[in-house]
Amino acid sequence: MPPTRDDDVPHGITVHLDELLTERGITMTALAERVGITLANMSILKTGKARAIRFSTLSAICAELDCQPGDILRFDP
């Protein structure tokens, strides 16, 4: 049996950036610029395809959106 890759294992984490961006009236492009990451990386995070996120990036997003990490990431088994 071949080894299982991390991206093949369901993790149950959902990303709720869309809702926060809409509520705050901020575009994904503007948030990426303010946080200092590429739009491509912001898109990967927003779609839930990210395999990891740095605490510094999560902190910067929370500061810009005036929210808590639990407002962005949720565990839905």
PDB file of N, CA and C in Angstrom:
ATOM      1  N   MET A   1       0.849  -1.182   0.000  1.00  0.00           N
ATOM      2  CA  MET A   1       0.000   0.000   0.000  1.00  0.00           C
ATOM      3  C   MET A   1       0.889   1.238   0.000  1.00  0.00           C
ATOM      4  N   PRO A   2       0.649   2.213  -0.904  1.00  0.00           N
ATOM      5  CA  PRO A   2       1.495   3.409  -0.963  1.00  0.00           C
ATOM      6  C   PRO A   2       1.264   4.290   0.256  1.00  0.00           C
ATOM      7  N   PRO A   3       2.289   5.071   0.635  1.00  0.00           N
ATOM      8  CA  PRO A   3       2.120   5.976   1.782  1.00  0.00           C
ATOM      9  C   PRO A   3       1.069   7.035   1.487  1.00  0.00           C
ATOM     10  N   THR A   4       0.390   7.465   2.526  1.00  0.00           N
ATOM     11  CA  THR A   4      -0.633   8.507   2.397  1.00  0.00           C
ATOM     12  C   THR A   4       0.012   9.873   2.470  1.00  0.00           C
ATOM     13  N   ARG A   5      -0.330  10.722   1.529  1.00  0.00           N
ATOM     14  CA  ARG A   5       0.169  12.095   1.549  1.00  0.00           C
ATOM     15  C   ARG A   5      -0.735  12.943   2.429  1.00  0.00           C
ATOM     16  N   ASP A   6      -0.153  13.983   3.041  1.00  0.00           N
ATOM     17  CA  ASP A   6      -0.932  14.867   3.920  1.00  0.00           C
ATOM     18  C   ASP A   6      -2.147  15.465   3.224  1.00  0.00           C
ATOM     19  N   ASP A   7      -2.004  15.831   1.940  1.00  0.00           N
ATOM     20  CA  ASP A   7      -3.116  16.485   1.261  1.00  0.00           C
ATOM     21  C   ASP A   7      -4.200  15.493   0.839  1.00  0.00           C
ATOM     22  N   ASP A   8      -3.966  14.185   1.039  1.00  0.00           N
ATOM     23  CA  ASP A   8      -4.979  13.186   0.759  1.00  0.00           C
ATOM     24  C   ASP A   8      -5.834  12.874   1.984  1.00  0.00           C
ATOM     25  N   VAL A   9      -5.408  13.356   3.138  1.00  0.00           N
ATOM     26  CA  VAL A   9      -6.102  13.060   4.390  1.00  0.00           C
ATOM     27  C   VAL A   9      -7.057  14.208   4.709  1.00  0.00           C
ATOM     28  N   PRO A  10      -8.354  13.912   4.894  1.00  0.00           N
ATOM     29  CA  PRO A  10      -9.275  14.992   5.258  1.00  0.00           C
ATOM     30  C   PRO A  10      -8.925  15.535   6.641  1.00  0.00           C
ATOM     31  N   HIS A  11      -8.856  16.843   6.754  1.00  0.00           N
ATOM     32  CA  HIS A  11      -8.413  17.449   8.014  1.00  0.00           C
ATOM     33  C   HIS A  11      -9.538  18.091   8.797  1.00  0.00           C
ATOM     34  N   GLY A  12     -10.663  18.379   8.180  1.00  0.00           N
ATOM     35  CA  GLY A  12     -11.794  18.933   8.899  1.00  0.00           C
ATOM     36  C   GLY A  12     -11.713  20.416   9.201  1.00  0.00           C
ATOM     37  N   ILE A  13     -10.674  21.099   8.731  1.00  0.00           N
ATOM     38  CA  ILE A  13     -10.546  22.541   8.956  1.00  0.00           C
ATOM     39  C   ILE A  13     -11.189  23.276   7.784  1.00  0.00           C
ATOM     40  N   THR A  14     -12.091  24.195   8.089  1.00  0.00           N
ATOM     41  CA  THR A  14     -12.681  25.028   7.053  1.00  0.00           C
ATOM     42  C   THR A  14     -12.248  26.471   7.269  1.00  0.00           C
ATOM     43  N   VAL A  15     -12.093  27.184   6.178  1.00  0.00           N
ATOM     44  CA  VAL A  15     -11.632  28.576   6.205  1.00  0.00           C
ATOM     45  C   VAL A  15     -12.810  29.477   5.867  1.00  0.00           C
ATOM     46  N   HIS A  16     -13.014  30.495   6.684  1.00  0.00           N
ATOM     47  CA  HIS A  16     -14.163  31.384   6.527  1.00  0.00           C
ATOM     48  C   HIS A  16     -13.738  32.821   6.233  1.00  0.00           C
ATOM     49  N   LEU A  17     -12.733  32.961   5.378  1.00  0.00           N
ATOM     50  CA  LEU A  17     -12.260  34.305   5.021  1.00  0.00           C
ATOM     51  C   LEU A  17     -13.278  35.058   4.172  1.00  0.00           C
ATOM     52  N   ASP A  18     -13.977  34.368   3.287  1.00  0.00           N
ATOM     53  CA  ASP A  18     -14.955  35.036   2.423  1.00  0.00           C
ATOM     54  C   ASP A  18     -15.962  35.846   3.223  1.00  0.00           C
ATOM     55  N   GLU A  19     -16.505  35.218   4.255  1.00  0.00           N
ATOM     56  CA  GLU A  19     -17.520  35.894   5.063  1.00  0.00           C
ATOM     57  C   GLU A  19     -16.945  37.134   5.741  1.00  0.00           C
ATOM     58  N   LEU A  20     -15.740  37.005   6.293  1.00  0.00           N
ATOM     59  CA  LEU A  20     -15.124  38.144   6.980  1.00  0.00           C
ATOM     60  C   LEU A  20     -14.788  39.273   6.015  1.00  0.00           C
ATOM     61  N   LEU A  21     -14.287  38.915   4.832  1.00  0.00           N
ATOM     62  CA  LEU A  21     -13.964  39.944   3.842  1.00  0.00           C
ATOM     63  C   LEU A  21     -15.226  40.693   3.425  1.00  0.00           C
ATOM     64  N   THR A  22     -16.305  39.967   3.217  1.00  0.00           N
ATOM     65  CA  THR A  22     -17.570  40.595   2.841  1.00  0.00           C
ATOM     66  C   THR A  22     -18.083  41.498   3.958  1.00  0.00           C
ATOM     67  N   GLU A  23     -18.064  40.991   5.187  1.00  0.00           N
ATOM     68  CA  GLU A  23     -18.535  41.786   6.330  1.00  0.00           C
ATOM     69  C   GLU A  23     -17.719  43.065   6.502  1.00  0.00           C
ATOM     70  N   ARG A  24     -16.415  42.978   6.255  1.00  0.00           N
ATOM     71  CA  ARG A  24     -15.529  44.130   6.469  1.00  0.00           C
ATOM     72  C   ARG A  24     -15.401  45.023   5.236  1.00  0.00           C
ATOM     73  N   GLY A  25     -15.926  44.577   4.099  1.00  0.00           N
ATOM     74  CA  GLY A  25     -15.837  45.358   2.876  1.00  0.00           C
ATOM     75  C   GLY A  25     -14.414  45.471   2.350  1.00  0.00           C
ATOM     76  N   ILE A  26     -13.628  44.422   2.526  1.00  0.00           N
ATOM     77  CA  ILE A  26     -12.232  44.402   2.095  1.00  0.00           C
ATOM     78  C   ILE A  26     -12.080  43.348   1.008  1.00  0.00           C
ATOM     79  N   THR A  27     -11.347  43.684  -0.048  1.00  0.00           N
ATOM     80  CA  THR A  27     -11.108  42.697  -1.092  1.00  0.00           C
ATOM     81  C   THR A  27      -9.950  41.791  -0.696  1.00  0.00           C
ATOM     82  N   MET A  28      -9.903  40.636  -1.327  1.00  0.00           N
ATOM     83  CA  MET A  28      -8.817  39.702  -1.079  1.00  0.00           C
ATOM     84  C   MET A  28      -7.478  40.326  -1.491  1.00  0.00           C
ATOM     85  N   THR A  29      -7.483  41.089  -2.574  1.00  0.00           N
ATOM     86  CA  THR A  29      -6.263  41.758  -3.042  1.00  0.00           C
ATOM     87  C   THR A  29      -5.764  42.757  -2.005  1.00  0.00           C
ATOM     88  N   ALA A  30      -6.666  43.549  -1.464  1.00  0.00           N
ATOM     89  CA  ALA A  30      -6.278  44.541  -0.461  1.00  0.00           C
ATOM     90  C   ALA A  30      -5.747  43.859   0.795  1.00  0.00           C
ATOM     91  N   LEU A  31      -6.394  42.793   1.230  1.00  0.00           N
ATOM     92  CA  LEU A  31      -5.940  42.084   2.425  1.00  0.00           C
ATOM     93  C   LEU A  31      -4.557  41.483   2.188  1.00  0.00           C
ATOM     94  N   ALA A  32      -4.349  40.876   1.040  1.00  0.00           N
ATOM     95  CA  ALA A  32      -3.034  40.300   0.728  1.00  0.00           C
ATOM     96  C   ALA A  32      -1.944  41.365   0.780  1.00  0.00           C
ATOM     97  N   GLU A  33      -2.218  42.535   0.215  1.00  0.00           N
ATOM     98  CA  GLU A  33      -1.246  43.632   0.246  1.00  0.00           C
ATOM     99  C   GLU A  33      -0.969  44.093   1.670  1.00  0.00           C
ATOM    100  N   ARG A  34      -2.013  44.267   2.463  1.00  0.00           N
ATOM    101  CA  ARG A  34      -1.860  44.737   3.844  1.00  0.00           C
ATOM    102  C   ARG A  34      -1.109  43.743   4.716  1.00  0.00           C
ATOM    103  N   VAL A  35      -1.339  42.448   4.451  1.00  0.00           N
ATOM    104  CA  VAL A  35      -0.718  41.391   5.254  1.00  0.00           C
ATOM    105  C   VAL A  35       0.695  41.092   4.774  1.00  0.00           C
ATOM    106  N   GLY A  36       0.961  41.368   3.502  1.00  0.00           N
ATOM    107  CA  GLY A  36       2.295  41.141   2.962  1.00  0.00           C
ATOM    108  C   GLY A  36       2.503  39.748   2.400  1.00  0.00           C
ATOM    109  N   ILE A  37       1.433  39.150   1.852  1.00  0.00           N
ATOM    110  CA  ILE A  37       1.580  37.874   1.167  1.00  0.00           C
ATOM    111  C   ILE A  37       1.049  38.028  -0.253  1.00  0.00           C
ATOM    112  N   THR A  38       1.401  37.094  -1.113  1.00  0.00           N
ATOM    113  CA  THR A  38       0.954  37.190  -2.499  1.00  0.00           C
ATOM    114  C   THR A  38      -0.534  36.889  -2.593  1.00  0.00           C
ATOM    115  N   LEU A  39      -1.129  37.405  -3.636  1.00  0.00           N
ATOM    116  CA  LEU A  39      -2.538  37.133  -3.883  1.00  0.00           C
ATOM    117  C   LEU A  39      -2.755  35.637  -4.111  1.00  0.00           C
ATOM    118  N   ALA A  40      -1.792  34.985  -4.752  1.00  0.00           N
ATOM    119  CA  ALA A  40      -1.893  33.532  -4.982  1.00  0.00           C
ATOM    120  C   ALA A  40      -1.945  32.776  -3.653  1.00  0.00           C
ATOM    121  N   ASN A  41      -1.086  33.158  -2.710  1.00  0.00           N
ATOM    122  CA  ASN A  41      -1.093  32.492  -1.405  1.00  0.00           C
ATOM    123  C   ASN A  41      -2.364  32.803  -0.624  1.00  0.00           C
ATOM    124  N   MET A  42      -2.864  34.026  -0.749  1.00  0.00           N
ATOM    125  CA  MET A  42      -4.118  34.378  -0.086  1.00  0.00           C
ATOM    126  C   MET A  42      -5.259  33.538  -0.661  1.00  0.00           C
ATOM    127  N   SER A  43      -5.247  33.332  -1.965  1.00  0.00           N
ATOM    128  CA  SER A  43      -6.268  32.530  -2.617  1.00  0.00           C
ATOM    129  C   SER A  43      -6.203  31.074  -2.159  1.00  0.00           C
ATOM    130  N   ILE A  44      -4.995  30.528  -2.029  1.00  0.00           N
ATOM    131  CA  ILE A  44      -4.819  29.159  -1.543  1.00  0.00           C
ATOM    132  C   ILE A  44      -5.377  29.030  -0.126  1.00  0.00           C
ATOM    133  N   LEU A  45      -5.111  30.019   0.695  1.00  0.00           N
ATOM    134  CA  LEU A  45      -5.637  29.994   2.058  1.00  0.00           C
ATOM    135  C   LEU A  45      -7.160  30.100   2.055  1.00  0.00           C
ATOM    136  N   LYS A  46      -7.683  31.034   1.283  1.00  0.00           N
ATOM    137  CA  LYS A  46      -9.122  31.289   1.260  1.00  0.00           C
ATOM    138  C   LYS A  46      -9.917  30.077   0.781  1.00  0.00           C
ATOM    139  N   THR A  47      -9.366  29.334  -0.166  1.00  0.00           N
ATOM    140  CA  THR A  47     -10.077  28.178  -0.710  1.00  0.00           C
ATOM    141  C   THR A  47      -9.911  26.924   0.139  1.00  0.00           C
ATOM    142  N   GLY A  48      -9.119  27.013   1.203  1.00  0.00           N
ATOM    143  CA  GLY A  48      -8.927  25.869   2.083  1.00  0.00           C
ATOM    144  C   GLY A  48      -7.908  24.870   1.574  1.00  0.00           C
ATOM    145  N   LYS A  49      -7.135  25.252   0.561  1.00  0.00           N
ATOM    146  CA  LYS A  49      -6.144  24.346  -0.011  1.00  0.00           C
ATOM    147  C   LYS A  49      -4.772  24.467   0.644  1.00  0.00           C
ATOM    148  N   ALA A  50      -4.629  25.405   1.567  1.00  0.00           N
ATOM    149  CA  ALA A  50      -3.348  25.585   2.257  1.00  0.00           C
ATOM    150  C   ALA A  50      -3.084  24.398   3.163  1.00  0.00           C
ATOM    151  N   ARG A  51      -1.844  23.975   3.205  1.00  0.00           N
ATOM    152  CA  ARG A  51      -1.464  22.876   4.088  1.00  0.00           C
ATOM    153  C   ARG A  51      -0.952  23.387   5.416  1.00  0.00           C
ATOM    154  N   ALA A  52      -0.650  24.678   5.483  1.00  0.00           N
ATOM    155  CA  ALA A  52      -0.124  25.285   6.706  1.00  0.00           C
ATOM    156  C   ALA A  52      -0.314  26.794   6.619  1.00  0.00           C
ATOM    157  N   ILE A  53      -0.248  27.437   7.772  1.00  0.00           N
ATOM    158  CA  ILE A  53      -0.254  28.901   7.819  1.00  0.00           C
ATOM    159  C   ILE A  53       0.675  29.318   8.952  1.00  0.00           C
ATOM    160  N   ARG A  54       1.499  30.308   8.686  1.00  0.00           N
ATOM    161  CA  ARG A  54       2.390  30.822   9.726  1.00  0.00           C
ATOM    162  C   ARG A  54       1.577  31.621  10.732  1.00  0.00           C
ATOM    163  N   PHE A  55       1.962  31.509  11.992  1.00  0.00           N
ATOM    164  CA  PHE A  55       1.285  32.301  13.022  1.00  0.00           C
ATOM    165  C   PHE A  55       1.409  33.787  12.735  1.00  0.00           C
ATOM    166  N   SER A  56       2.534  34.214  12.182  1.00  0.00           N
ATOM    167  CA  SER A  56       2.703  35.645  11.877  1.00  0.00           C
ATOM    168  C   SER A  56       1.701  36.092  10.807  1.00  0.00           C
ATOM    169  N   THR A  57       1.430  35.227   9.826  1.00  0.00           N
ATOM    170  CA  THR A  57       0.441  35.551   8.797  1.00  0.00           C
ATOM    171  C   THR A  57      -0.955  35.562   9.390  1.00  0.00           C
ATOM    172  N   LEU A  58      -1.265  34.567  10.206  1.00  0.00           N
ATOM    173  CA  LEU A  58      -2.573  34.504  10.852  1.00  0.00           C
ATOM    174  C   LEU A  58      -2.781  35.717  11.755  1.00  0.00           C
ATOM    175  N   SER A  59      -1.755  36.106  12.476  1.00  0.00           N
ATOM    176  CA  SER A  59      -1.831  37.285  13.350  1.00  0.00           C
ATOM    177  C   SER A  59      -2.080  38.550  12.539  1.00  0.00           C
ATOM    178  N   ALA A  60      -1.385  38.683  11.414  1.00  0.00           N
ATOM    179  CA  ALA A  60      -1.557  39.868  10.568  1.00  0.00           C
ATOM    180  C   ALA A  60      -2.963  39.921   9.978  1.00  0.00           C
ATOM    181  N   ILE A  61      -3.490  38.777   9.559  1.00  0.00           N
ATOM    182  CA  ILE A  61      -4.855  38.737   9.030  1.00  0.00           C
ATOM    183  C   ILE A  61      -5.843  39.121  10.122  1.00  0.00           C
ATOM    184  N   CYS A  62      -5.664  38.570  11.312  1.00  0.00           N
ATOM    185  CA  CYS A  62      -6.557  38.898  12.428  1.00  0.00           C
ATOM    186  C   CYS A  62      -6.499  40.388  12.771  1.00  0.00           C
ATOM    187  N   ALA A  63      -5.309  40.964  12.742  1.00  0.00           N
ATOM    188  CA  ALA A  63      -5.168  42.395  13.036  1.00  0.00           C
ATOM    189  C   ALA A  63      -5.891  43.237  11.991  1.00  0.00           C
ATOM    190  N   GLU A  64      -5.744  42.872  10.711  1.00  0.00           N
ATOM    191  CA  GLU A  64      -6.388  43.638   9.632  1.00  0.00           C
ATOM    192  C   GLU A  64      -7.902  43.495   9.636  1.00  0.00           C
ATOM    193  N   LEU A  65      -8.391  42.306   9.994  1.00  0.00           N
ATOM    194  CA  LEU A  65      -9.834  42.057   9.968  1.00  0.00           C
ATOM    195  C   LEU A  65     -10.489  42.256  11.333  1.00  0.00           C
ATOM    196  N   ASP A  66      -9.682  42.606  12.343  1.00  0.00           N
ATOM    197  CA  ASP A  66     -10.182  42.797  13.701  1.00  0.00           C
ATOM    198  C   ASP A  66     -11.013  41.588  14.133  1.00  0.00           C
ATOM    199  N   CYS A  67     -10.342  40.422  14.125  1.00  0.00           N
ATOM    200  CA  CYS A  67     -11.033  39.188  14.467  1.00  0.00           C
ATOM    201  C   CYS A  67     -10.095  38.257  15.226  1.00  0.00           C
ATOM    202  N   GLN A  68     -10.599  37.110  15.593  1.00  0.00           N
ATOM    203  CA  GLN A  68      -9.833  36.078  16.269  1.00  0.00           C
ATOM    204  C   GLN A  68      -9.575  34.929  15.282  1.00  0.00           C
ATOM    205  N   PRO A  69      -8.522  34.126  15.522  1.00  0.00           N
ATOM    206  CA  PRO A  69      -8.261  33.000  14.619  1.00  0.00           C
ATOM    207  C   PRO A  69      -9.464  32.080  14.440  1.00  0.00           C
ATOM    208  N   GLY A  70     -10.251  31.899  15.492  1.00  0.00           N
ATOM    209  CA  GLY A  70     -11.447  31.052  15.397  1.00  0.00           C
ATOM    210  C   GLY A  70     -12.520  31.618  14.501  1.00  0.00           C
ATOM    211  N   ASP A  71     -12.442  32.908  14.185  1.00  0.00           N
ATOM    212  CA  ASP A  71     -13.379  33.496  13.234  1.00  0.00           C
ATOM    213  C   ASP A  71     -13.016  33.112  11.795  1.00  0.00           C
ATOM    214  N   ILE A  72     -11.749  32.773  11.585  1.00  0.00           N
ATOM    215  CA  ILE A  72     -11.238  32.433  10.257  1.00  0.00           C
ATOM    216  C   ILE A  72     -11.230  30.925  10.040  1.00  0.00           C
ATOM    217  N   LEU A  73     -10.727  30.197  11.031  1.00  0.00           N
ATOM    218  CA  LEU A  73     -10.564  28.742  10.925  1.00  0.00           C
ATOM    219  C   LEU A  73     -11.510  28.034  11.864  1.00  0.00           C
ATOM    220  N   ARG A  74     -12.168  27.011  11.348  1.00  0.00           N
ATOM    221  CA  ARG A  74     -13.064  26.210  12.179  1.00  0.00           C
ATOM    222  C   ARG A  74     -12.819  24.738  11.929  1.00  0.00           C
ATOM    223  N   PHE A  75     -12.991  23.938  12.964  1.00  0.00           N
ATOM    224  CA  PHE A  75     -12.866  22.494  12.841  1.00  0.00           C
ATOM    225  C   PHE A  75     -14.256  21.906  12.686  1.00  0.00           C
ATOM    226  N   ASP A  76     -14.489  21.310  11.533  1.00  0.00           N
ATOM    227  CA  ASP A  76     -15.784  20.672  11.240  1.00  0.00           C
ATOM    228  C   ASP A  76     -15.511  19.214  10.893  1.00  0.00           C
ATOM    229  N   PRO A  77     -15.550  18.327  11.901  1.00  0.00           N
ATOM    230  CA  PRO A  77     -15.221  16.914  11.621  1.00  0.00           C
ATOM    231  C   PRO A  77     -16.225  16.256  10.673  1.00  0.00           C
TER     232      PRO A  77
END
